[in-house]
């Protein structure tokens, strides 16, 4: 699995180019976040609190129902190191 930071770099490039599949890339990132979080045995509440977002916001991002922003994505990656 690509590291979260590598996925963030990819997202950044796609945003700059206006990639039509950006929503799919955010959904893939969300899935990777959930997998990494679960492997790390971090609850969604713990991670959301650590990065300063609500549990529901993080849940929407993990399930791909909401895109993201690069700043929050970086906070997630840093918190899950």
PDB file of N, CA and C in Angstrom:
ATOM      1  N   UNK A   1       0.852  -1.197   0.000  1.00  0.00           N
ATOM      2  CA  UNK A   1       0.000   0.000   0.000  1.00  0.00           C
ATOM      3  C   UNK A   1       0.890   1.249   0.000  1.00  0.00           C
ATOM      4  N   UNK A   2       0.536   2.192  -0.845  1.00  0.00           N
ATOM      5  CA  UNK A   2       1.263   3.453  -0.868  1.00  0.00           C
ATOM      6  C   UNK A   2       1.138   4.127   0.483  1.00  0.00           C
ATOM      7  N   UNK A   3       2.181   4.805   0.886  1.00  0.00           N
ATOM      8  CA  UNK A   3       2.085   5.555   2.134  1.00  0.00           C
ATOM      9  C   UNK A   3       1.080   6.698   1.966  1.00  0.00           C
ATOM     10  N   UNK A   4       0.544   7.125   3.081  1.00  0.00           N
ATOM     11  CA  UNK A   4      -0.419   8.229   3.035  1.00  0.00           C
ATOM     12  C   UNK A   4       0.219   9.485   2.455  1.00  0.00           C
ATOM     13  N   UNK A   5       1.475   9.727   2.785  1.00  0.00           N
ATOM     14  CA  UNK A   5       2.136  10.930   2.266  1.00  0.00           C
ATOM     15  C   UNK A   5       2.275  10.871   0.748  1.00  0.00           C
ATOM     16  N   UNK A   6       2.546   9.693   0.217  1.00  0.00           N
ATOM     17  CA  UNK A   6       2.641   9.536  -1.236  1.00  0.00           C
ATOM     18  C   UNK A   6       1.285   9.807  -1.882  1.00  0.00           C
ATOM     19  N   UNK A   7       0.231   9.321  -1.249  1.00  0.00           N
ATOM     20  CA  UNK A   7      -1.120   9.559  -1.766  1.00  0.00           C
ATOM     21  C   UNK A   7      -1.449  11.058  -1.735  1.00  0.00           C
ATOM     22  N   UNK A   8      -0.989  11.758  -0.706  1.00  0.00           N
ATOM     23  CA  UNK A   8      -1.230  13.198  -0.608  1.00  0.00           C
ATOM     24  C   UNK A   8      -0.517  13.927  -1.749  1.00  0.00           C
ATOM     25  N   UNK A   9       0.709  13.519  -2.055  1.00  0.00           N
ATOM     26  CA  UNK A   9       1.430  14.119  -3.180  1.00  0.00           C
ATOM     27  C   UNK A   9       0.645  13.927  -4.478  1.00  0.00           C
ATOM     28  N   UNK A  10       0.112  12.724  -4.660  1.00  0.00           N
ATOM     29  CA  UNK A  10      -0.692  12.429  -5.843  1.00  0.00           C
ATOM     30  C   UNK A  10      -1.942  13.315  -5.889  1.00  0.00           C
ATOM     31  N   UNK A  11      -2.614  13.456  -4.747  1.00  0.00           N
ATOM     32  CA  UNK A  11      -3.806  14.311  -4.684  1.00  0.00           C
ATOM     33  C   UNK A  11      -3.476  15.751  -5.039  1.00  0.00           C
ATOM     34  N   UNK A  12      -2.356  16.234  -4.534  1.00  0.00           N
ATOM     35  CA  UNK A  12      -1.936  17.606  -4.803  1.00  0.00           C
ATOM     36  C   UNK A  12      -1.720  17.824  -6.300  1.00  0.00           C
ATOM     37  N   UNK A  13      -1.041  16.889  -6.937  1.00  0.00           N
ATOM     38  CA  UNK A  13      -0.802  16.991  -8.382  1.00  0.00           C
ATOM     39  C   UNK A  13      -2.118  16.948  -9.162  1.00  0.00           C
ATOM     40  N   UNK A  14      -3.010  16.052  -8.751  1.00  0.00           N
ATOM     41  CA  UNK A  14      -4.302  15.943  -9.437  1.00  0.00           C
ATOM     42  C   UNK A  14      -5.108  17.227  -9.290  1.00  0.00           C
ATOM     43  N   UNK A  15      -5.062  17.843  -8.101  1.00  0.00           N
ATOM     44  CA  UNK A  15      -5.791  19.105  -7.902  1.00  0.00           C
ATOM     45  C   UNK A  15      -5.244  20.192  -8.810  1.00  0.00           C
ATOM     46  N   UNK A  16      -3.926  20.270  -8.898  1.00  0.00           N
ATOM     47  CA  UNK A  16      -3.300  21.299  -9.736  1.00  0.00           C
ATOM     48  C   UNK A  16      -3.705  21.152 -11.196  1.00  0.00           C
ATOM     49  N   UNK A  17      -3.853  19.901 -11.639  1.00  0.00           N
ATOM     50  CA  UNK A  17      -4.178  19.626 -13.039  1.00  0.00           C
ATOM     51  C   UNK A  17      -5.683  19.638 -13.311  1.00  0.00           C
ATOM     52  N   UNK A  18      -6.488  19.710 -12.252  1.00  0.00           N
ATOM     53  CA  UNK A  18      -7.938  19.668 -12.440  1.00  0.00           C
ATOM     54  C   UNK A  18      -8.407  18.297 -12.903  1.00  0.00           C
ATOM     55  N   UNK A  19      -7.777  17.264 -12.392  1.00  0.00           N
ATOM     56  CA  UNK A  19      -8.061  15.879 -12.780  1.00  0.00           C
ATOM     57  C   UNK A  19      -9.536  15.535 -12.570  1.00  0.00           C
ATOM     58  N   UNK A  20     -10.136  14.940 -13.581  1.00  0.00           N
ATOM     59  CA  UNK A  20     -11.554  14.563 -13.526  1.00  0.00           C
ATOM     60  C   UNK A  20     -11.819  13.455 -12.508  1.00  0.00           C
ATOM     61  N   UNK A  21     -10.808  12.674 -12.173  1.00  0.00           N
ATOM     62  CA  UNK A  21     -10.983  11.579 -11.220  1.00  0.00           C
ATOM     63  C   UNK A  21     -10.518  11.948  -9.806  1.00  0.00           C
ATOM     64  N   UNK A  22     -10.502  13.218  -9.505  1.00  0.00           N
ATOM     65  CA  UNK A  22     -10.054  13.669  -8.192  1.00  0.00           C
ATOM     66  C   UNK A  22     -10.927  13.101  -7.069  1.00  0.00           C
ATOM     67  N   UNK A  23     -12.228  13.047  -7.276  1.00  0.00           N
ATOM     68  CA  UNK A  23     -13.133  12.506  -6.252  1.00  0.00           C
ATOM     69  C   UNK A  23     -12.799  11.049  -5.949  1.00  0.00           C
ATOM     70  N   UNK A  24     -12.482  10.298  -6.978  1.00  0.00           N
ATOM     71  CA  UNK A  24     -12.093   8.895  -6.771  1.00  0.00           C
ATOM     72  C   UNK A  24     -10.784   8.797  -5.996  1.00  0.00           C
ATOM     73  N   UNK A  25      -9.857   9.690  -6.281  1.00  0.00           N
ATOM     74  CA  UNK A  25      -8.579   9.691  -5.573  1.00  0.00           C
ATOM     75  C   UNK A  25      -8.784  10.007  -4.089  1.00  0.00           C
ATOM     76  N   UNK A  26      -9.702  10.947  -3.791  1.00  0.00           N
ATOM     77  CA  UNK A  26      -9.994  11.256  -2.393  1.00  0.00           C
ATOM     78  C   UNK A  26     -10.634  10.056  -1.702  1.00  0.00           C
ATOM     79  N   UNK A  27     -11.488   9.332  -2.422  1.00  0.00           N
ATOM     80  CA  UNK A  27     -12.121   8.139  -1.859  1.00  0.00           C
ATOM     81  C   UNK A  27     -11.066   7.071  -1.555  1.00  0.00           C
ATOM     82  N   UNK A  28     -10.102   6.907  -2.445  1.00  0.00           N
ATOM     83  CA  UNK A  28      -9.008   5.957  -2.212  1.00  0.00           C
ATOM     84  C   UNK A  28      -8.178   6.374  -1.004  1.00  0.00           C
ATOM     85  N   UNK A  29      -7.942   7.673  -0.887  1.00  0.00           N
ATOM     86  CA  UNK A  29      -7.188   8.169   0.267  1.00  0.00           C
ATOM     87  C   UNK A  29      -7.952   7.874   1.552  1.00  0.00           C
ATOM     88  N   UNK A  30      -9.263   8.106   1.544  1.00  0.00           N
ATOM     89  CA  UNK A  30     -10.079   7.839   2.722  1.00  0.00           C
ATOM     90  C   UNK A  30     -10.015   6.380   3.139  1.00  0.00           C
ATOM     91  N   UNK A  31     -10.056   5.495   2.148  1.00  0.00           N
ATOM     92  CA  UNK A  31      -9.962   4.061   2.432  1.00  0.00           C
ATOM     93  C   UNK A  31      -8.605   3.728   3.053  1.00  0.00           C
ATOM     94  N   UNK A  32      -7.555   4.309   2.525  1.00  0.00           N
ATOM     95  CA  UNK A  32      -6.215   4.078   3.067  1.00  0.00           C
ATOM     96  C   UNK A  32      -6.096   4.609   4.496  1.00  0.00           C
ATOM     97  N   UNK A  33      -6.737   5.742   4.767  1.00  0.00           N
ATOM     98  CA  UNK A  33      -6.727   6.307   6.123  1.00  0.00           C
ATOM     99  C   UNK A  33      -7.397   5.335   7.088  1.00  0.00           C
ATOM    100  N   UNK A  34      -8.574   4.853   6.706  1.00  0.00           N
ATOM    101  CA  UNK A  34      -9.293   3.917   7.574  1.00  0.00           C
ATOM    102  C   UNK A  34      -8.454   2.663   7.839  1.00  0.00           C
ATOM    103  N   UNK A  35      -7.869   2.092   6.789  1.00  0.00           N
ATOM    104  CA  UNK A  35      -7.046   0.887   6.948  1.00  0.00           C
ATOM    105  C   UNK A  35      -5.863   1.148   7.871  1.00  0.00           C
ATOM    106  N   UNK A  36      -5.190   2.259   7.660  1.00  0.00           N
ATOM    107  CA  UNK A  36      -4.026   2.605   8.486  1.00  0.00           C
ATOM    108  C   UNK A  36      -4.442   2.845   9.928  1.00  0.00           C
ATOM    109  N   UNK A  37      -5.552   3.548  10.095  1.00  0.00           N
ATOM    110  CA  UNK A  37      -6.044   3.832  11.444  1.00  0.00           C
ATOM    111  C   UNK A  37      -6.378   2.543  12.184  1.00  0.00           C
ATOM    112  N   UNK A  38      -7.064   1.640  11.504  1.00  0.00           N
ATOM    113  CA  UNK A  38      -7.454   0.378  12.146  1.00  0.00           C
ATOM    114  C   UNK A  38      -6.238  -0.490  12.465  1.00  0.00           C
ATOM    115  N   UNK A  39      -5.277  -0.545  11.560  1.00  0.00           N
ATOM    116  CA  UNK A  39      -4.042  -1.297  11.816  1.00  0.00           C
ATOM    117  C   UNK A  39      -3.313  -0.709  13.016  1.00  0.00           C
ATOM    118  N   UNK A  40      -3.342   0.610  13.130  1.00  0.00           N
ATOM    119  CA  UNK A  40      -2.675   1.306  14.244  1.00  0.00           C
ATOM    120  C   UNK A  40      -3.476   1.248  15.537  1.00  0.00           C
ATOM    121  N   UNK A  41      -4.681   0.671  15.460  1.00  0.00           N
ATOM    122  CA  UNK A  41      -5.566   0.544  16.616  1.00  0.00           C
ATOM    123  C   UNK A  41      -5.910   1.907  17.233  1.00  0.00           C
ATOM    124  N   UNK A  42      -6.187   2.852  16.346  1.00  0.00           N
ATOM    125  CA  UNK A  42      -6.606   4.194  16.745  1.00  0.00           C
ATOM    126  C   UNK A  42      -8.089   4.303  16.407  1.00  0.00           C
ATOM    127  N   UNK A  43      -8.896   4.745  17.351  1.00  0.00           N
ATOM    128  CA  UNK A  43     -10.317   4.903  17.069  1.00  0.00           C
ATOM    129  C   UNK A  43     -10.546   6.158  16.230  1.00  0.00           C
ATOM    130  N   UNK A  44     -11.689   6.182  15.580  1.00  0.00           N
ATOM    131  CA  UNK A  44     -12.027   7.351  14.773  1.00  0.00           C
ATOM    132  C   UNK A  44     -12.160   8.595  15.659  1.00  0.00           C
ATOM    133  N   UNK A  45     -12.670   8.412  16.866  1.00  0.00           N
ATOM    134  CA  UNK A  45     -12.813   9.541  17.803  1.00  0.00           C
ATOM    135  C   UNK A  45     -11.432  10.063  18.206  1.00  0.00           C
ATOM    136  N   UNK A  46     -10.503   9.157  18.488  1.00  0.00           N
ATOM    137  CA  UNK A  46      -9.149   9.580  18.877  1.00  0.00           C
ATOM    138  C   UNK A  46      -8.475  10.365  17.760  1.00  0.00           C
ATOM    139  N   UNK A  47      -8.579   9.850  16.540  1.00  0.00           N
ATOM    140  CA  UNK A  47      -7.939  10.535  15.413  1.00  0.00           C
ATOM    141  C   UNK A  47      -8.606  11.876  15.127  1.00  0.00           C
ATOM    142  N   UNK A  48      -9.915  11.895  15.132  1.00  0.00           N
ATOM    143  CA  UNK A  48     -10.635  13.151  14.872  1.00  0.00           C
ATOM    144  C   UNK A  48     -10.251  14.214  15.901  1.00  0.00           C
ATOM    145  N   UNK A  49     -10.189  13.823  17.158  1.00  0.00           N
ATOM    146  CA  UNK A  49      -9.817  14.762  18.217  1.00  0.00           C
ATOM    147  C   UNK A  49      -8.395  15.270  18.011  1.00  0.00           C
ATOM    148  N   UNK A  50      -7.504  14.362  17.665  1.00  0.00           N
ATOM    149  CA  UNK A  50      -6.094  14.728  17.490  1.00  0.00           C
ATOM    150  C   UNK A  50      -5.883  15.720  16.352  1.00  0.00           C
ATOM    151  N   UNK A  51      -6.678  15.593  15.276  1.00  0.00           N
ATOM    152  CA  UNK A  51      -6.474  16.489  14.132  1.00  0.00           C
ATOM    153  C   UNK A  51      -7.438  17.669  14.111  1.00  0.00           C
ATOM    154  N   UNK A  52      -8.362  17.697  15.062  1.00  0.00           N
ATOM    155  CA  UNK A  52      -9.238  18.854  15.202  1.00  0.00           C
ATOM    156  C   UNK A  52     -10.439  18.895  14.266  1.00  0.00           C
ATOM    157  N   UNK A  53     -10.982  17.716  13.943  1.00  0.00           N
ATOM    158  CA  UNK A  53     -12.223  17.667  13.161  1.00  0.00           C
ATOM    159  C   UNK A  53     -13.231  16.819  13.926  1.00  0.00           C
ATOM    160  N   UNK A  54     -14.476  16.898  13.512  1.00  0.00           N
ATOM    161  CA  UNK A  54     -15.493  16.087  14.181  1.00  0.00           C
ATOM    162  C   UNK A  54     -15.390  14.634  13.728  1.00  0.00           C
ATOM    163  N   UNK A  55     -15.945  13.755  14.546  1.00  0.00           N
ATOM    164  CA  UNK A  55     -15.972  12.329  14.216  1.00  0.00           C
ATOM    165  C   UNK A  55     -16.719  12.117  12.905  1.00  0.00           C
ATOM    166  N   UNK A  56     -17.852  12.802  12.747  1.00  0.00           N
ATOM    167  CA  UNK A  56     -18.649  12.620  11.527  1.00  0.00           C
ATOM    168  C   UNK A  56     -17.900  13.129  10.296  1.00  0.00           C
ATOM    169  N   UNK A  57     -17.178  14.223  10.422  1.00  0.00           N
ATOM    170  CA  UNK A  57     -16.400  14.743   9.302  1.00  0.00           C
ATOM    171  C   UNK A  57     -15.348  13.720   8.875  1.00  0.00           C
ATOM    172  N   UNK A  58     -14.632  13.166   9.835  1.00  0.00           N
ATOM    173  CA  UNK A  58     -13.613  12.170   9.510  1.00  0.00           C
ATOM    174  C   UNK A  58     -14.246  10.922   8.910  1.00  0.00           C
ATOM    175  N   UNK A  59     -15.378  10.515   9.432  1.00  0.00           N
ATOM    176  CA  UNK A  59     -16.075   9.346   8.905  1.00  0.00           C
ATOM    177  C   UNK A  59     -16.482   9.567   7.452  1.00  0.00           C
ATOM    178  N   UNK A  60     -17.019  10.743   7.136  1.00  0.00           N
ATOM    179  CA  UNK A  60     -17.390  11.058   5.757  1.00  0.00           C
ATOM    180  C   UNK A  60     -16.174  10.992   4.837  1.00  0.00           C
ATOM    181  N   UNK A  61     -15.055  11.478   5.317  1.00  0.00           N
ATOM    182  CA  UNK A  61     -13.831  11.461   4.509  1.00  0.00           C
ATOM    183  C   UNK A  61     -13.336  10.034   4.294  1.00  0.00           C
ATOM    184  N   UNK A  62     -13.392   9.221   5.346  1.00  0.00           N
ATOM    185  CA  UNK A  62     -12.930   7.835   5.229  1.00  0.00           C
ATOM    186  C   UNK A  62     -13.796   7.027   4.266  1.00  0.00           C
ATOM    187  N   UNK A  63     -15.077   7.290   4.247  1.00  0.00           N
ATOM    188  CA  UNK A  63     -15.983   6.525   3.383  1.00  0.00           C
ATOM    189  C   UNK A  63     -16.081   7.108   1.977  1.00  0.00           C
ATOM    190  N   UNK A  64     -15.446   8.234   1.737  1.00  0.00           N
ATOM    191  CA  UNK A  64     -15.458   8.838   0.419  1.00  0.00           C
ATOM    192  C   UNK A  64     -16.688   9.669   0.125  1.00  0.00           C
ATOM    193  N   UNK A  65     -17.518   9.895   1.140  1.00  0.00           N
ATOM    194  CA  UNK A  65     -18.719  10.709   0.931  1.00  0.00           C
ATOM    195  C   UNK A  65     -18.401  12.201   0.880  1.00  0.00           C
ATOM    196  N   UNK A  66     -17.228  12.551   1.344  1.00  0.00           N
ATOM    197  CA  UNK A  66     -16.790  13.943   1.318  1.00  0.00           C
ATOM    198  C   UNK A  66     -15.335  13.957   0.880  1.00  0.00           C
ATOM    199  N   UNK A  67     -15.024  14.853  -0.004  1.00  0.00           N
ATOM    200  CA  UNK A  67     -13.634  15.031  -0.405  1.00  0.00           C
ATOM    201  C   UNK A  67     -12.856  15.603   0.759  1.00  0.00           C
ATOM    202  N   UNK A  68     -11.720  16.053   0.487  1.00  0.00           N
ATOM    203  CA  UNK A  68     -10.916  16.574   1.574  1.00  0.00           C
ATOM    204  C   UNK A  68     -10.163  17.808   1.172  1.00  0.00           C
ATOM    205  N   UNK A  69      -9.309  18.209   2.060  1.00  0.00           N
ATOM    206  CA  UNK A  69      -8.386  19.282   1.761  1.00  0.00           C
ATOM    207  C   UNK A  69      -7.000  18.786   2.141  1.00  0.00           C
ATOM    208  N   UNK A  70      -6.010  19.300   1.471  1.00  0.00           N
ATOM    209  CA  UNK A  70      -4.655  18.796   1.657  1.00  0.00           C
ATOM    210  C   UNK A  70      -4.126  19.048   3.067  1.00  0.00           C
ATOM    211  N   UNK A  71      -4.503  20.158   3.664  1.00  0.00           N
ATOM    212  CA  UNK A  71      -4.026  20.467   5.018  1.00  0.00           C
ATOM    213  C   UNK A  71      -4.501  19.404   6.016  1.00  0.00           C
ATOM    214  N   UNK A  72      -5.779  19.059   5.957  1.00  0.00           N
ATOM    215  CA  UNK A  72      -6.310  18.034   6.856  1.00  0.00           C
ATOM    216  C   UNK A  72      -5.708  16.673   6.530  1.00  0.00           C
ATOM    217  N   UNK A  73      -5.522  16.385   5.256  1.00  0.00           N
ATOM    218  CA  UNK A  73      -4.912  15.117   4.861  1.00  0.00           C
ATOM    219  C   UNK A  73      -3.512  14.993   5.453  1.00  0.00           C
ATOM    220  N   UNK A  74      -2.767  16.073   5.436  1.00  0.00           N
ATOM    221  CA  UNK A  74      -1.413  16.041   6.025  1.00  0.00           C
ATOM    222  C   UNK A  74      -1.473  15.834   7.539  1.00  0.00           C
ATOM    223  N   UNK A  75      -2.451  16.450   8.195  1.00  0.00           N
ATOM    224  CA  UNK A  75      -2.609  16.257   9.631  1.00  0.00           C
ATOM    225  C   UNK A  75      -2.905  14.786   9.942  1.00  0.00           C
ATOM    226  N   UNK A  76      -3.750  14.173   9.136  1.00  0.00           N
ATOM    227  CA  UNK A  76      -4.095  12.759   9.311  1.00  0.00           C
ATOM    228  C   UNK A  76      -2.839  11.902   9.173  1.00  0.00           C
ATOM    229  N   UNK A  77      -2.098  12.134   8.093  1.00  0.00           N
ATOM    230  CA  UNK A  77      -0.878  11.344   7.858  1.00  0.00           C
ATOM    231  C   UNK A  77       0.117  11.501   9.003  1.00  0.00           C
ATOM    232  N   UNK A  78       0.270  12.713   9.475  1.00  0.00           N
ATOM    233  CA  UNK A  78       1.203  12.965  10.592  1.00  0.00           C
ATOM    234  C   UNK A  78       0.731  12.272  11.856  1.00  0.00           C
ATOM    235  N   UNK A  79      -0.552  12.320  12.115  1.00  0.00           N
ATOM    236  CA  UNK A  79      -1.104  11.701  13.332  1.00  0.00           C
ATOM    237  C   UNK A  79      -1.004  10.176  13.310  1.00  0.00           C
ATOM    238  N   UNK A  80      -0.995   9.600  12.115  1.00  0.00           N
ATOM    239  CA  UNK A  80      -0.951   8.139  12.001  1.00  0.00           C
ATOM    240  C   UNK A  80       0.453   7.587  11.767  1.00  0.00           C
ATOM    241  N   UNK A  81       1.468   8.427  11.856  1.00  0.00           N
ATOM    242  CA  UNK A  81       2.846   7.961  11.685  1.00  0.00           C
ATOM    243  C   UNK A  81       3.211   6.966  12.737  1.00  0.00           C
TER     244      UNK A  81
END
